[in-house]
Amino acid sequence: MSVLISGSIAYDTILSFDGRFADSLHAEAIAHLNLTFPASAMRREFGGCAANVAYALKCLGGKPLLWSAMGKDAAPYMKHLEALGISTFGLKVLDDSWMPQAFITTDASGNQLTTFHGGAMDRTQEVPFPEIDTATGADGRVRTGAQALAELEDLGPVTLAMLSPGGKIAMGCHAEICVERGIPYIFDVGQAAPLFSGEELRRFIERAYAVAFSDYEAELIERASGLSPEAIAKLGKIVFHTHGARGSSVWLANAQAPVAVPAAPVPGGAARDPVGAGDAYRGGLLFGLTSGLGPVVSARIASIMGAIKVSASGVQNYVTTLADVRRTYASLWGEAPF
């Protein structure tokens, strides 16, 4: 069984500025800025919400099936995914667009300035639904021979989907297709929340199997749609509400109160980089839910994955296995049911 994951697949270019933005930003000059921040270090990472979630799920032995568009500079990312054993079957390269890219400058105080170019992501609606019973993928490769057949057989039928942040049109199209095909989806609007009206958010939520959001996103959703986490649960939905270092809350369908899931301890005790922890959490959720585990147990696995991610710099640089997660689970909550 595979998990369909739609959303962004992007390059992240991270620049380090040794000073403080606050020392250069002055209120009286905001209307005519012309600033240069010299960067002492730069690194390029593989990122994007959908790919980050897929990475976490793959670490646990899950079967992610990415469904997204990539740009003409996608070759390094394609090789990266193939090296990880993540199928590119549902990915399409658009030769007249660039890859989605985030340019992030961080100052000495940890503040960030980010410029994001959506590129191919904004045309993901052009990518056909990945029909894994055929030999030709959206990536244009025709699978032939034993290896190709093994890839398709290994993926198996799609049993769950996650709508991660992506282009507005694509997110709407993918929700429609999931509903038409009877594929339950988790709505994870993330940073795309401001793109949608309250009515649009409500429609996504009403047709979802579950909803996942952070404290900040919960505020945006409630302000726009009037739906609080409790109200969403009363609609018969499962809600995964994350609170950063304070763990997460799981609202079961029609529940009167949430179940608290504490944050797992960070390996080594040092939190090095929180960016991408939410995506790692979601990868853990998908593994648990598609393994037949309940929402609370799945959220505990998710908590462990988020903590592991926080211990490493970069969003796809941590290393773990299902056995590692099982041992940590047993130390926190007793014998692991997976």
Protein backbone atom coordinates (compact mmCIF):
# COMPACT_ATOMS: atom_id res chain seq x y z
CA MET A 1 0.00 0.00 0.00
CA SER A 2 1.31 3.43 -0.90
CA VAL A 3 0.63 6.91 0.43
CA LEU A 4 -0.01 9.67 -2.08
CA ILE A 5 1.72 12.89 -1.03
CA SER A 6 1.12 16.08 -2.98
CA GLY A 7 2.69 19.48 -2.42
CA SER A 8 5.99 21.25 -2.91
CA ILE A 9 9.33 19.69 -3.80
CA ALA A 10 11.88 22.48 -3.61
CA TYR A 11 15.49 23.50 -3.29
CA ASP A 12 16.34 25.47 -0.15
CA THR A 13 19.33 27.81 -0.32
CA ILE A 14 20.29 28.85 3.23
CA LEU A 15 22.56 31.85 3.79
CA SER A 16 24.11 32.82 7.14
CA PHE A 17 24.46 36.52 8.03
CA ASP A 18 26.70 37.06 11.05
CA GLY A 19 25.07 40.34 12.07
CA ARG A 20 21.53 41.23 13.15
CA PHE A 21 18.82 42.33 10.76
CA ALA A 22 17.56 44.73 13.42
CA ASP A 23 20.78 46.75 13.21
CA SER A 24 20.15 47.48 9.51
CA LEU A 25 16.37 47.78 9.43
CA HIS A 26 15.07 51.19 10.47
CA ALA A 27 11.42 52.14 10.47
CA GLU A 28 11.99 55.44 8.67
CA ALA A 29 13.71 53.63 5.76
CA ILE A 30 11.26 50.75 5.25
CA ALA A 31 9.58 52.46 2.29
CA HIS A 32 12.84 52.58 0.30
CA LEU A 33 14.97 49.61 1.30
CA ASN A 34 18.20 48.84 -0.52
CA LEU A 35 20.15 46.52 1.74
CA THR A 36 22.84 43.88 1.27
CA PHE A 37 23.50 41.25 3.93
CA PRO A 38 26.94 39.62 3.38
CA ALA A 39 26.66 35.87 3.95
CA SER A 40 29.54 34.05 5.61
CA ALA A 41 28.17 30.62 4.71
CA MET A 42 25.78 29.07 2.22
CA ARG A 43 24.35 25.63 1.72
CA ARG A 44 21.78 24.11 -0.61
CA GLU A 45 19.35 21.54 0.72
CA PHE A 46 16.70 19.29 -0.74
CA GLY A 47 13.39 20.48 0.69
CA GLY A 48 9.72 21.14 0.04
CA CYS A 49 6.93 19.92 2.33
CA ALA A 50 5.84 16.94 0.23
CA ALA A 51 9.37 15.62 -0.21
CA ASN A 52 10.19 16.16 3.47
CA VAL A 53 7.13 14.16 4.50
CA ALA A 54 8.03 11.43 2.00
CA TYR A 55 11.57 11.29 3.39
CA ALA A 56 10.30 10.72 6.94
CA LEU A 57 7.83 8.06 5.81
CA LYS A 58 10.54 6.27 3.82
CA CYS A 59 12.85 6.22 6.87
CA LEU A 60 10.19 4.14 8.63
CA GLY A 61 9.79 1.73 5.75
CA GLY A 62 6.66 3.33 4.31
CA LYS A 63 5.86 3.70 0.61
CA PRO A 64 5.51 7.36 -0.37
CA LEU A 65 4.18 8.19 -3.83
CA LEU A 66 4.95 11.82 -4.59
CA TRP A 67 2.54 13.70 -6.86
CA SER A 68 3.93 17.04 -7.96
CA ALA A 69 5.60 19.09 -10.69
CA MET A 70 9.32 19.74 -10.95
CA GLY A 71 11.29 22.24 -12.99
CA LYS A 72 13.94 22.00 -15.68
CA ASP A 73 16.67 21.99 -13.00
CA ALA A 74 15.20 18.89 -11.33
CA ALA A 75 17.93 16.38 -12.27
CA PRO A 76 19.87 16.53 -8.95
CA TYR A 77 16.65 16.16 -6.98
CA MET A 78 15.49 13.23 -9.11
CA LYS A 79 18.80 11.46 -8.45
CA HIS A 80 18.44 12.20 -4.74
CA LEU A 81 14.95 10.67 -4.61
CA GLU A 82 16.03 7.62 -6.58
CA ALA A 83 19.02 7.12 -4.25
CA LEU A 84 16.60 7.14 -1.31
CA GLY A 85 14.39 4.60 -3.02
CA ILE A 86 11.49 7.05 -3.29
CA SER A 87 9.54 6.52 -6.50
CA THR A 88 9.48 9.35 -9.06
CA PHE A 89 6.50 7.75 -10.83
CA GLY A 90 4.10 10.58 -9.97
CA LEU A 91 6.47 13.45 -10.76
CA LYS A 92 6.48 15.46 -13.98
CA VAL A 93 9.28 17.75 -15.16
CA LEU A 94 8.08 20.97 -16.80
CA ASP A 95 10.84 22.07 -19.15
CA ASP A 96 9.71 25.71 -19.23
CA SER A 97 9.68 26.25 -15.44
CA TRP A 98 12.24 26.28 -12.65
CA MET A 99 12.08 24.16 -9.55
CA PRO A 100 10.38 25.77 -6.55
CA GLN A 101 13.13 27.48 -4.58
CA ALA A 102 13.39 29.14 -1.19
CA PHE A 103 16.22 31.58 -0.49
CA ILE A 104 16.56 31.88 3.27
CA THR A 105 18.88 34.31 5.04
CA THR A 106 19.32 33.76 8.79
CA ASP A 107 20.93 36.31 11.11
CA ALA A 108 22.91 35.78 14.32
CA SER A 109 19.71 35.97 16.40
CA GLY A 110 17.98 33.23 14.42
CA ASN A 111 15.67 35.59 12.53
CA GLN A 112 14.92 34.69 8.92
CA LEU A 113 14.19 36.54 5.69
CA THR A 114 12.84 34.23 2.98
CA THR A 115 12.06 34.71 -0.68
CA PHE A 116 10.16 31.84 -2.31
CA HIS A 117 9.65 31.17 -6.00
CA GLY A 118 6.86 28.67 -6.69
CA GLY A 119 8.04 27.77 -10.19
CA ALA A 120 6.76 24.40 -11.35
CA MET A 121 4.80 23.93 -8.12
CA ASP A 122 2.25 26.48 -9.29
CA ARG A 123 1.46 24.23 -12.26
CA THR A 124 1.17 20.92 -10.42
CA GLN A 125 -2.44 20.66 -11.58
CA GLU A 126 -0.98 19.74 -14.99
CA VAL A 127 0.44 16.50 -13.59
CA PRO A 128 -1.86 13.52 -14.18
CA PHE A 129 -2.95 11.27 -11.34
CA PRO A 130 -0.27 8.56 -10.99
CA GLU A 131 -1.91 5.44 -12.39
CA ILE A 132 0.44 2.88 -10.90
CA ASP A 133 -1.12 0.03 -12.84
CA THR A 134 0.47 1.36 -16.03
CA ALA A 135 4.12 1.30 -17.07
CA THR A 136 4.55 4.99 -17.91
CA GLY A 137 4.91 7.43 -15.04
CA ALA A 138 4.32 11.17 -14.98
CA ASP A 139 8.10 11.46 -14.97
CA GLY A 140 8.04 10.24 -18.57
CA ARG A 141 10.01 7.07 -17.91
CA VAL A 142 8.56 3.89 -19.34
CA ARG A 143 9.06 1.06 -16.88
CA THR A 144 9.96 -2.20 -18.56
CA GLY A 145 11.61 -5.37 -17.33
CA ALA A 146 11.70 -7.00 -13.93
CA GLN A 147 12.96 -3.92 -12.07
CA ALA A 148 10.16 -1.70 -13.38
CA LEU A 149 7.50 -4.29 -12.60
CA ALA A 150 8.93 -4.69 -9.11
CA GLU A 151 8.68 -0.91 -8.53
CA LEU A 152 5.04 -0.80 -9.53
CA GLU A 153 4.15 -3.93 -7.57
CA ASP A 154 5.96 -2.62 -4.51
CA LEU A 155 4.01 0.64 -4.52
CA GLY A 156 0.68 -1.15 -4.43
CA PRO A 157 -2.70 0.63 -4.26
CA VAL A 158 -3.02 4.10 -2.77
CA THR A 159 -4.84 3.88 0.58
CA LEU A 160 -4.32 7.38 1.97
CA ALA A 161 -3.29 10.81 0.67
CA MET A 162 -1.77 13.88 2.26
CA LEU A 163 -2.44 17.29 0.73
CA SER A 164 0.65 19.23 1.79
CA PRO A 165 1.17 22.94 1.08
CA GLY A 166 1.48 23.63 -2.65
CA GLY A 167 -0.07 25.76 -5.37
CA LYS A 168 -3.62 26.93 -4.69
CA ILE A 169 -5.13 25.50 -7.89
CA ALA A 170 -3.31 22.20 -7.51
CA MET A 171 -4.42 21.71 -3.91
CA GLY A 172 -8.04 22.19 -4.93
CA CYS A 173 -7.70 19.87 -7.93
CA HIS A 174 -6.00 17.16 -5.88
CA ALA A 175 -8.71 17.27 -3.22
CA GLU A 176 -11.37 16.86 -5.93
CA ILE A 177 -9.55 13.91 -7.49
CA CYS A 178 -9.08 12.18 -4.12
CA VAL A 179 -12.80 12.54 -3.39
CA GLU A 180 -13.73 11.25 -6.86
CA ARG A 181 -11.49 8.22 -6.44
CA GLY A 182 -12.53 7.48 -2.88
CA ILE A 183 -9.06 8.15 -1.44
CA PRO A 184 -9.23 9.58 2.11
CA TYR A 185 -6.95 12.57 2.53
CA ILE A 186 -5.30 14.47 5.37
CA PHE A 187 -5.58 18.22 4.84
CA ASP A 188 -2.29 19.90 5.77
CA VAL A 189 -2.63 23.47 4.52
CA GLY A 190 0.51 24.78 6.26
CA GLN A 191 1.90 28.04 4.93
CA ALA A 192 -0.63 27.96 2.10
CA ALA A 193 -3.45 28.87 4.52
CA PRO A 194 -3.54 32.59 3.53
CA LEU A 195 -4.24 31.59 -0.08
CA PHE A 196 -7.71 30.32 0.73
CA SER A 197 -10.95 31.95 1.83
CA GLY A 198 -12.83 30.71 4.86
CA GLU A 199 -15.35 28.99 2.60
CA GLU A 200 -12.57 27.22 0.68
CA LEU A 201 -10.88 26.05 3.87
CA ARG A 202 -14.19 24.75 5.20
CA ARG A 203 -14.76 22.75 2.00
CA PHE A 204 -11.30 21.14 2.24
CA ILE A 205 -11.95 20.25 5.88
CA GLU A 206 -15.48 18.94 5.44
CA ARG A 207 -14.29 16.39 2.85
CA ALA A 208 -11.07 15.41 4.64
CA TYR A 209 -10.42 12.28 6.67
CA ALA A 210 -8.20 14.25 9.05
CA VAL A 211 -6.65 17.70 9.43
CA ALA A 212 -3.15 18.61 10.60
CA PHE A 213 -1.95 22.07 11.61
CA SER A 214 0.30 24.02 13.99
CA ASP A 215 -0.82 26.59 16.57
CA TYR A 216 -0.28 29.44 14.11
CA GLU A 217 -2.12 27.66 11.31
CA ALA A 218 -4.97 26.80 13.68
CA GLU A 219 -5.42 30.51 14.37
CA LEU A 220 -5.47 31.35 10.65
CA ILE A 221 -8.01 28.61 9.92
CA GLU A 222 -10.29 29.62 12.78
CA ARG A 223 -10.09 33.31 11.90
CA ALA A 224 -10.99 32.64 8.26
CA SER A 225 -13.49 29.80 8.56
CA GLY A 226 -14.75 30.03 12.12
CA LEU A 227 -13.67 26.42 12.70
CA SER A 228 -11.71 25.75 15.89
CA PRO A 229 -9.98 22.39 16.47
CA GLU A 230 -12.95 21.36 18.62
CA ALA A 231 -15.43 22.41 15.92
CA ILE A 232 -13.51 20.42 13.31
CA ALA A 233 -13.62 17.35 15.55
CA LYS A 234 -17.39 17.82 15.88
CA LEU A 235 -17.59 17.55 12.10
CA GLY A 236 -16.38 13.96 12.54
CA LYS A 237 -12.75 14.65 11.64
CA ILE A 238 -9.53 13.63 13.37
CA VAL A 239 -7.39 16.66 14.23
CA PHE A 240 -3.62 16.60 14.75
CA HIS A 241 -2.72 19.91 16.39
CA THR A 242 1.00 20.47 16.97
CA HIS A 243 2.43 22.81 19.62
CA GLY A 244 6.16 22.77 18.83
CA ALA A 245 8.29 21.80 21.83
CA ARG A 246 5.09 21.32 23.90
CA GLY A 247 4.05 18.27 21.89
CA SER A 248 0.72 17.86 20.15
CA SER A 249 -2.99 17.31 20.75
CA VAL A 250 -5.09 14.69 19.02
CA TRP A 251 -8.80 15.35 18.66
CA LEU A 252 -10.61 12.14 17.83
CA ALA A 253 -13.75 12.42 15.71
CA ASN A 254 -16.61 13.91 17.77
CA ALA A 255 -14.43 14.09 20.89
CA GLN A 256 -15.22 16.58 23.66
CA ALA A 257 -11.55 17.10 24.51
CA PRO A 258 -8.17 16.31 22.94
CA VAL A 259 -5.66 13.65 23.93
CA ALA A 260 -2.31 15.20 24.83
CA VAL A 261 0.79 13.67 23.25
CA PRO A 262 4.01 14.99 24.83
CA ALA A 263 7.01 15.91 22.74
CA ALA A 264 9.58 13.13 22.57
CA PRO A 265 13.07 13.88 23.90
CA VAL A 266 15.55 15.16 21.35
CA PRO A 267 18.35 12.63 20.75
CA GLY A 268 21.52 13.94 22.35
CA GLY A 269 19.52 16.56 24.19
CA ALA A 270 20.37 19.38 21.79
CA ALA A 271 17.82 20.88 19.40
CA ARG A 272 19.90 22.01 16.43
CA ASP A 273 17.33 22.94 13.79
CA PRO A 274 13.52 23.03 14.17
CA VAL A 275 12.85 23.61 10.45
CA GLY A 276 11.11 20.58 8.96
CA ALA A 277 10.07 19.06 12.28
CA GLY A 278 6.41 19.36 11.32
CA ASP A 279 7.02 17.48 8.08
CA ALA A 280 8.86 14.71 9.93
CA TYR A 281 5.91 14.55 12.35
CA ARG A 282 3.55 14.09 9.41
CA GLY A 283 5.68 11.30 7.97
CA GLY A 284 5.33 9.50 11.29
CA LEU A 285 1.57 10.02 11.22
CA LEU A 286 1.28 8.50 7.76
CA PHE A 287 3.31 5.48 8.77
CA GLY A 288 1.15 4.84 11.82
CA LEU A 289 -2.18 5.35 10.12
CA THR A 290 -1.32 3.16 7.13
CA SER A 291 -0.02 0.47 9.48
CA GLY A 292 -3.45 0.14 11.05
CA LEU A 293 -2.52 2.00 14.23
CA GLY A 294 -4.85 4.46 15.93
CA PRO A 295 -4.47 8.26 15.79
CA VAL A 296 -2.92 8.57 19.25
CA VAL A 297 -0.30 5.87 18.70
CA SER A 298 0.40 7.39 15.28
CA ALA A 299 0.90 10.80 16.89
CA ARG A 300 3.39 9.30 19.35
CA ILE A 301 5.40 7.91 16.45
CA ALA A 302 5.11 11.32 14.81
CA SER A 303 6.40 12.99 17.98
CA ILE A 304 9.49 10.78 17.94
CA MET A 305 10.14 11.59 14.28
CA GLY A 306 9.84 15.32 14.95
CA ALA A 307 12.36 15.09 17.79
CA ILE A 308 14.82 13.13 15.63
CA LYS A 309 14.57 15.78 12.92
CA VAL A 310 15.20 18.62 15.39
CA SER A 311 18.51 16.99 16.38
CA ALA A 312 19.95 17.45 12.86
CA SER A 313 20.57 20.48 10.64
CA GLY A 314 18.65 20.45 7.38
CA VAL A 315 15.28 18.93 6.61
CA GLN A 316 16.39 15.64 5.01
CA ASN A 317 19.71 15.02 6.76
CA TYR A 318 18.65 13.02 9.80
CA VAL A 319 19.02 9.25 9.84
CA THR A 320 16.78 6.80 11.66
CA THR A 321 15.09 3.44 11.24
CA LEU A 322 11.86 1.83 12.35
CA ALA A 323 13.85 -0.17 14.90
CA ASP A 324 15.21 3.08 16.41
CA VAL A 325 11.72 4.56 16.65
CA ARG A 326 10.36 1.33 18.15
CA ARG A 327 12.98 1.39 20.91
CA THR A 328 12.26 5.03 21.74
CA TYR A 329 8.51 4.37 21.77
CA ALA A 330 8.98 1.47 24.20
CA SER A 331 11.05 3.65 26.53
CA LEU A 332 8.32 6.31 26.63
CA TRP A 333 5.00 4.47 26.34
CA GLY A 334 5.68 0.78 26.82
CA GLU A 335 5.91 -1.98 24.25
CA ALA A 336 5.51 -0.67 20.73
CA PRO A 337 2.48 -2.07 18.85
CA PHE A 338 4.31 -1.94 15.51
